[in-house]
Amino acid sequence: MEDLLQVGVITSTHGLKGEVKVFPTTDDARRFEKLKSVWLDAGEGNVELEVSQARFFKNLVILKFKGIDSINDIEKYKGKGLFVTRENAVECGEGEYFIADLIGIEAVTEDGQVLGKVKDVIQTGANDVYVVQVPEDSPFAPRVPGGRGELLLPAIRDCVLDVDIGRGRMAVRLMAGLLDG
């Protein structure tokens, strides 16, 4: 499991006094109001930054960090991720998971056949879609639509039966139309 969870990405600077515009990658952007600090992916390692102010503009969060008072001090971090430690993360509700915890878990059918590993999660608005990388030597590979080796599983109860992050497994039901044939 990842120790740091991404909550946003710096998109650009805001003004000349070191503020940044952040695109939130969390379900609840209001969480930035309560954040005391974040970890910045500085390229050569992570740097902890103390949040001194957070406000909202359209779909972005404007953050000010303590000790960063110039556009020159922050401009080099455009496009970099902002993270929180797992203990400072918002708790997941029942049936909710951090994307970082889903990446890499094994997807298996309800009768125990291995489909592949979750390689990505697409957030569509209606429901998430799990991208499962199906190995070329899998009996399911010839039936994957488009022949790309990626099976798209809707994250709905009819399809995703059980997720066990601790065991690294997700049990799924292959609904009609998910595979060719």
C-alpha atoms as a PDB file:
ATOM      1  CA  MET A   1       0.000   0.000   0.000  1.00  0.00           C
ATOM      2  CA  GLU A   2       1.092   3.519  -0.739  1.00  0.00           C
ATOM      3  CA  ASP A   3       2.064   5.656   2.262  1.00  0.00           C
ATOM      4  CA  LEU A   4       1.276   8.906   0.444  1.00  0.00           C
ATOM      5  CA  LEU A   5      -2.019   9.549  -1.327  1.00  0.00           C
ATOM      6  CA  GLN A   6      -2.395  12.212  -3.989  1.00  0.00           C
ATOM      7  CA  VAL A   7      -4.923  14.977  -3.257  1.00  0.00           C
ATOM      8  CA  GLY A   8      -4.072  17.422  -6.040  1.00  0.00           C
ATOM      9  CA  VAL A   9      -1.792  18.652  -8.807  1.00  0.00           C
ATOM     10  CA  ILE A  10      -0.347  22.157  -9.074  1.00  0.00           C
ATOM     11  CA  THR A  11      -1.629  23.529 -12.376  1.00  0.00           C
ATOM     12  CA  SER A  12      -0.171  27.045 -12.305  1.00  0.00           C
ATOM     13  CA  THR A  13       0.883  29.925 -10.137  1.00  0.00           C
ATOM     14  CA  HIS A  14      -1.619  32.508  -8.919  1.00  0.00           C
ATOM     15  CA  GLY A  15      -0.349  36.047  -8.579  1.00  0.00           C
ATOM     16  CA  LEU A  16       3.152  37.021  -7.530  1.00  0.00           C
ATOM     17  CA  LYS A  17       3.149  36.107  -3.828  1.00  0.00           C
ATOM     18  CA  GLY A  18       3.711  32.350  -4.109  1.00  0.00           C
ATOM     19  CA  GLU A  19       0.138  31.088  -4.355  1.00  0.00           C
ATOM     20  CA  VAL A  20      -0.703  28.154  -6.618  1.00  0.00           C
ATOM     21  CA  LYS A  21      -3.789  26.844  -8.368  1.00  0.00           C
ATOM     22  CA  VAL A  22      -4.360  23.181  -7.589  1.00  0.00           C
ATOM     23  CA  PHE A  23      -6.569  20.731  -9.447  1.00  0.00           C
ATOM     24  CA  PRO A  24      -8.006  18.490  -6.705  1.00  0.00           C
ATOM     25  CA  THR A  25      -7.705  14.741  -7.268  1.00  0.00           C
ATOM     26  CA  THR A  26      -9.793  13.953  -4.217  1.00  0.00           C
ATOM     27  CA  ASP A  27     -13.551  13.423  -4.082  1.00  0.00           C
ATOM     28  CA  ASP A  28     -13.964  16.264  -1.573  1.00  0.00           C
ATOM     29  CA  ALA A  29     -12.070  19.450  -2.481  1.00  0.00           C
ATOM     30  CA  ARG A  30     -13.269  21.055   0.774  1.00  0.00           C
ATOM     31  CA  ARG A  31     -10.736  18.845   2.576  1.00  0.00           C
ATOM     32  CA  PHE A  32      -8.084  21.448   1.656  1.00  0.00           C
ATOM     33  CA  GLU A  33      -9.650  23.834   4.207  1.00  0.00           C
ATOM     34  CA  LYS A  34      -8.602  21.474   7.010  1.00  0.00           C
ATOM     35  CA  LEU A  35      -5.190  20.436   5.694  1.00  0.00           C
ATOM     36  CA  LYS A  36      -2.293  21.613   7.815  1.00  0.00           C
ATOM     37  CA  SER A  37       0.398  20.278   5.498  1.00  0.00           C
ATOM     38  CA  VAL A  38       0.946  18.449   2.227  1.00  0.00           C
ATOM     39  CA  TRP A  39       3.862  16.641   0.650  1.00  0.00           C
ATOM     40  CA  LEU A  40       5.080  18.066  -2.645  1.00  0.00           C
ATOM     41  CA  ASP A  41       6.641  15.801  -5.246  1.00  0.00           C
ATOM     42  CA  ALA A  42       9.647  18.062  -5.813  1.00  0.00           C
ATOM     43  CA  GLY A  43      11.289  15.813  -8.398  1.00  0.00           C
ATOM     44  CA  GLU A  44      14.273  14.777  -6.263  1.00  0.00           C
ATOM     45  CA  GLY A  45      12.129  13.611  -3.369  1.00  0.00           C
ATOM     46  CA  ASN A  46       9.177  14.862  -1.386  1.00  0.00           C
ATOM     47  CA  VAL A  47       9.087  18.117   0.542  1.00  0.00           C
ATOM     48  CA  GLU A  48       6.577  18.835   3.303  1.00  0.00           C
ATOM     49  CA  LEU A  49       4.825  22.181   2.950  1.00  0.00           C
ATOM     50  CA  GLU A  50       2.688  23.860   5.605  1.00  0.00           C
ATOM     51  CA  VAL A  51      -0.626  25.124   4.219  1.00  0.00           C
ATOM     52  CA  SER A  52      -1.311  28.662   5.445  1.00  0.00           C
ATOM     53  CA  GLN A  53      -4.402  29.405   3.345  1.00  0.00           C
ATOM     54  CA  ALA A  54      -6.861  27.606   1.076  1.00  0.00           C
ATOM     55  CA  ARG A  55      -9.644  29.120  -0.980  1.00  0.00           C
ATOM     56  CA  PHE A  56     -11.667  28.018  -3.957  1.00  0.00           C
ATOM     57  CA  PHE A  57     -12.016  29.324  -7.493  1.00  0.00           C
ATOM     58  CA  LYS A  58     -14.220  27.452  -9.996  1.00  0.00           C
ATOM     59  CA  ASN A  59     -13.019  23.821  -9.955  1.00  0.00           C
ATOM     60  CA  LEU A  60      -9.606  24.699  -8.466  1.00  0.00           C
ATOM     61  CA  VAL A  61      -8.152  25.280  -5.030  1.00  0.00           C
ATOM     62  CA  ILE A  62      -5.824  28.221  -4.494  1.00  0.00           C
ATOM     63  CA  LEU A  63      -3.206  27.362  -1.876  1.00  0.00           C
ATOM     64  CA  LYS A  64      -0.661  29.480  -0.044  1.00  0.00           C
ATOM     65  CA  PHE A  65       2.227  27.791   1.729  1.00  0.00           C
ATOM     66  CA  LYS A  66       4.075  29.131   4.749  1.00  0.00           C
ATOM     67  CA  GLY A  67       7.521  30.449   3.801  1.00  0.00           C
ATOM     68  CA  ILE A  68       6.843  30.606   0.068  1.00  0.00           C
ATOM     69  CA  ASP A  69       6.219  34.257  -0.717  1.00  0.00           C
ATOM     70  CA  SER A  70       7.323  34.658  -4.323  1.00  0.00           C
ATOM     71  CA  ILE A  71       6.226  33.298  -7.675  1.00  0.00           C
ATOM     72  CA  ASN A  72       9.900  32.408  -8.248  1.00  0.00           C
ATOM     73  CA  ASP A  73       9.888  30.030  -5.262  1.00  0.00           C
ATOM     74  CA  ILE A  74       6.931  27.970  -6.505  1.00  0.00           C
ATOM     75  CA  GLU A  75       6.853  28.274 -10.315  1.00  0.00           C
ATOM     76  CA  LYS A  76       9.191  25.299 -10.828  1.00  0.00           C
ATOM     77  CA  TYR A  77       6.603  22.995  -9.248  1.00  0.00           C
ATOM     78  CA  LYS A  78       3.880  23.422 -11.890  1.00  0.00           C
ATOM     79  CA  GLY A  79       2.535  20.002 -12.820  1.00  0.00           C
ATOM     80  CA  LYS A  80       3.771  18.392  -9.593  1.00  0.00           C
ATOM     81  CA  GLY A  81       1.566  16.342  -7.284  1.00  0.00           C
ATOM     82  CA  LEU A  82       0.488  17.167  -3.744  1.00  0.00           C
ATOM     83  CA  PHE A  83       0.082  14.284  -1.324  1.00  0.00           C
ATOM     84  CA  VAL A  84      -1.070  13.550   2.222  1.00  0.00           C
ATOM     85  CA  THR A  85       0.043  10.769   4.509  1.00  0.00           C
ATOM     86  CA  ARG A  86      -2.361   7.870   4.928  1.00  0.00           C
ATOM     87  CA  GLU A  87      -3.139   8.915   8.509  1.00  0.00           C
ATOM     88  CA  ASN A  88      -4.187  12.374   7.248  1.00  0.00           C
ATOM     89  CA  ALA A  89      -6.344  10.949   4.469  1.00  0.00           C
ATOM     90  CA  VAL A  90     -10.122  11.123   4.583  1.00  0.00           C
ATOM     91  CA  GLU A  91     -11.552   7.811   5.721  1.00  0.00           C
ATOM     92  CA  CYS A  92     -13.197   5.738   3.029  1.00  0.00           C
ATOM     93  CA  GLY A  93     -16.794   4.712   3.476  1.00  0.00           C
ATOM     94  CA  GLU A  94     -18.125   1.202   3.018  1.00  0.00           C
ATOM     95  CA  GLY A  95     -17.336  -0.026  -0.488  1.00  0.00           C
ATOM     96  CA  GLU A  96     -14.966   2.893  -1.157  1.00  0.00           C
ATOM     97  CA  TYR A  97     -11.238   2.505  -1.801  1.00  0.00           C
ATOM     98  CA  PHE A  98      -8.250   4.676  -2.541  1.00  0.00           C
ATOM     99  CA  ILE A  99      -7.276   4.378  -6.191  1.00  0.00           C
ATOM    100  CA  ALA A 100      -3.663   3.835  -5.101  1.00  0.00           C
ATOM    101  CA  ASP A 101      -4.804   0.713  -3.209  1.00  0.00           C
ATOM    102  CA  LEU A 102      -6.685  -0.701  -6.207  1.00  0.00           C
ATOM    103  CA  ILE A 103      -3.806  -0.388  -8.658  1.00  0.00           C
ATOM    104  CA  GLY A 104      -1.987  -3.715  -8.884  1.00  0.00           C
ATOM    105  CA  ILE A 105      -4.582  -5.944  -7.230  1.00  0.00           C
ATOM    106  CA  GLU A 106      -5.564  -9.136  -8.998  1.00  0.00           C
ATOM    107  CA  ALA A 107      -9.007  -9.409 -10.607  1.00  0.00           C
ATOM    108  CA  VAL A 108     -10.477 -12.920 -10.508  1.00  0.00           C
ATOM    109  CA  THR A 109     -13.779 -14.284 -11.742  1.00  0.00           C
ATOM    110  CA  GLU A 110     -16.342 -15.538  -9.266  1.00  0.00           C
ATOM    111  CA  ASP A 111     -15.167 -19.104 -10.008  1.00  0.00           C
ATOM    112  CA  GLY A 112     -11.530 -18.179  -9.234  1.00  0.00           C
ATOM    113  CA  GLN A 113     -10.035 -17.727 -12.729  1.00  0.00           C
ATOM    114  CA  VAL A 114      -7.448 -14.960 -12.882  1.00  0.00           C
ATOM    115  CA  LEU A 115      -8.371 -12.164 -15.306  1.00  0.00           C
ATOM    116  CA  GLY A 116      -5.361  -9.927 -14.708  1.00  0.00           C
ATOM    117  CA  LYS A 117      -4.291  -6.956 -12.604  1.00  0.00           C
ATOM    118  CA  VAL A 118      -5.965  -3.597 -12.160  1.00  0.00           C
ATOM    119  CA  LYS A 119      -3.719  -1.077 -13.895  1.00  0.00           C
ATOM    120  CA  ASP A 120      -5.871   2.059 -13.783  1.00  0.00           C
ATOM    121  CA  VAL A 121      -9.153   3.512 -12.578  1.00  0.00           C
ATOM    122  CA  ILE A 122     -11.163   5.771 -14.862  1.00  0.00           C
ATOM    123  CA  GLN A 123     -13.494   8.163 -13.072  1.00  0.00           C
ATOM    124  CA  THR A 124     -16.498   8.733 -15.309  1.00  0.00           C
ATOM    125  CA  GLY A 125     -18.848  10.582 -12.991  1.00  0.00           C
ATOM    126  CA  ALA A 126     -21.553   7.891 -13.026  1.00  0.00           C
ATOM    127  CA  ASN A 127     -19.318   5.107 -11.719  1.00  0.00           C
ATOM    128  CA  ASP A 128     -15.639   4.292 -11.819  1.00  0.00           C
ATOM    129  CA  VAL A 129     -14.298   1.861 -14.405  1.00  0.00           C
ATOM    130  CA  TYR A 130     -11.449  -0.501 -13.510  1.00  0.00           C
ATOM    131  CA  VAL A 131      -8.924  -1.115 -16.270  1.00  0.00           C
ATOM    132  CA  VAL A 132      -7.684  -4.704 -15.951  1.00  0.00           C
ATOM    133  CA  GLN A 133      -4.546  -5.697 -17.870  1.00  0.00           C
ATOM    134  CA  VAL A 134      -5.220  -9.191 -19.205  1.00  0.00           C
ATOM    135  CA  PRO A 135      -1.977 -11.115 -19.918  1.00  0.00           C
ATOM    136  CA  GLU A 136      -1.477 -12.346 -23.495  1.00  0.00           C
ATOM    137  CA  ASP A 137      -1.310 -15.966 -22.309  1.00  0.00           C
ATOM    138  CA  SER A 138      -4.625 -15.729 -20.428  1.00  0.00           C
ATOM    139  CA  PRO A 139      -7.565 -17.756 -21.751  1.00  0.00           C
ATOM    140  CA  PHE A 140      -9.523 -14.469 -21.605  1.00  0.00           C
ATOM    141  CA  ALA A 141      -7.071 -12.559 -23.840  1.00  0.00           C
ATOM    142  CA  PRO A 142      -8.640 -13.544 -27.205  1.00  0.00           C
ATOM    143  CA  ARG A 143     -12.040 -12.392 -25.921  1.00  0.00           C
ATOM    144  CA  VAL A 144     -11.000  -8.904 -24.784  1.00  0.00           C
ATOM    145  CA  PRO A 145     -12.799  -6.320 -26.961  1.00  0.00           C
ATOM    146  CA  GLY A 146     -10.492  -4.321 -29.224  1.00  0.00           C
ATOM    147  CA  GLY A 147      -7.598  -6.730 -28.735  1.00  0.00           C
ATOM    148  CA  ARG A 148      -5.705  -4.232 -26.543  1.00  0.00           C
ATOM    149  CA  GLY A 149      -5.365  -6.596 -23.610  1.00  0.00           C
ATOM    150  CA  GLU A 150      -7.333  -4.230 -21.391  1.00  0.00           C
ATOM    151  CA  LEU A 151     -10.682  -5.231 -19.972  1.00  0.00           C
ATOM    152  CA  LEU A 152     -12.904  -2.398 -18.749  1.00  0.00           C
ATOM    153  CA  LEU A 153     -14.938  -3.389 -15.696  1.00  0.00           C
ATOM    154  CA  PRO A 154     -17.642  -1.060 -14.381  1.00  0.00           C
ATOM    155  CA  ALA A 155     -17.317  -0.549 -10.628  1.00  0.00           C
ATOM    156  CA  ILE A 156     -20.897  -1.547  -9.884  1.00  0.00           C
ATOM    157  CA  ARG A 157     -22.219  -4.176  -7.481  1.00  0.00           C
ATOM    158  CA  ASP A 158     -23.454  -6.449 -10.270  1.00  0.00           C
ATOM    159  CA  CYS A 159     -19.888  -6.680 -11.603  1.00  0.00           C
ATOM    160  CA  VAL A 160     -17.532  -6.141  -8.650  1.00  0.00           C
ATOM    161  CA  LEU A 161     -18.519  -8.707  -6.040  1.00  0.00           C
ATOM    162  CA  ASP A 162     -15.782  -8.249  -3.449  1.00  0.00           C
ATOM    163  CA  VAL A 163     -12.631  -6.230  -2.955  1.00  0.00           C
ATOM    164  CA  ASP A 164     -10.039  -7.437  -0.457  1.00  0.00           C
ATOM    165  CA  ILE A 165      -7.214  -4.898  -0.393  1.00  0.00           C
ATOM    166  CA  GLY A 166      -5.329  -6.891   2.262  1.00  0.00           C
ATOM    167  CA  ARG A 167      -5.199 -10.003   0.053  1.00  0.00           C
ATOM    168  CA  GLY A 168      -4.736  -7.948  -3.113  1.00  0.00           C
ATOM    169  CA  ARG A 169      -7.761  -9.505  -4.839  1.00  0.00           C
ATOM    170  CA  MET A 170     -10.986  -8.369  -6.424  1.00  0.00           C
ATOM    171  CA  ALA A 171     -13.727 -10.887  -7.262  1.00  0.00           C
ATOM    172  CA  VAL A 172     -15.757  -9.946 -10.324  1.00  0.00           C
ATOM    173  CA  ARG A 173     -18.712 -11.243 -12.308  1.00  0.00           C
ATOM    174  CA  LEU A 174     -18.216 -11.054 -16.058  1.00  0.00           C
ATOM    175  CA  MET A 175     -21.505  -9.555 -17.132  1.00  0.00           C
ATOM    176  CA  ALA A 176     -22.834 -10.072 -20.645  1.00  0.00           C
ATOM    177  CA  GLY A 177     -21.072  -7.880 -23.169  1.00  0.00           C
ATOM    178  CA  LEU A 178     -17.827  -7.357 -21.234  1.00  0.00           C
ATOM    179  CA  LEU A 179     -16.047 -10.003 -23.295  1.00  0.00           C
ATOM    180  CA  ASP A 180     -16.563 -10.819 -26.966  1.00  0.00           C
ATOM    181  CA  GLY A 181     -18.244 -14.128 -27.698  1.00  0.00           C
END
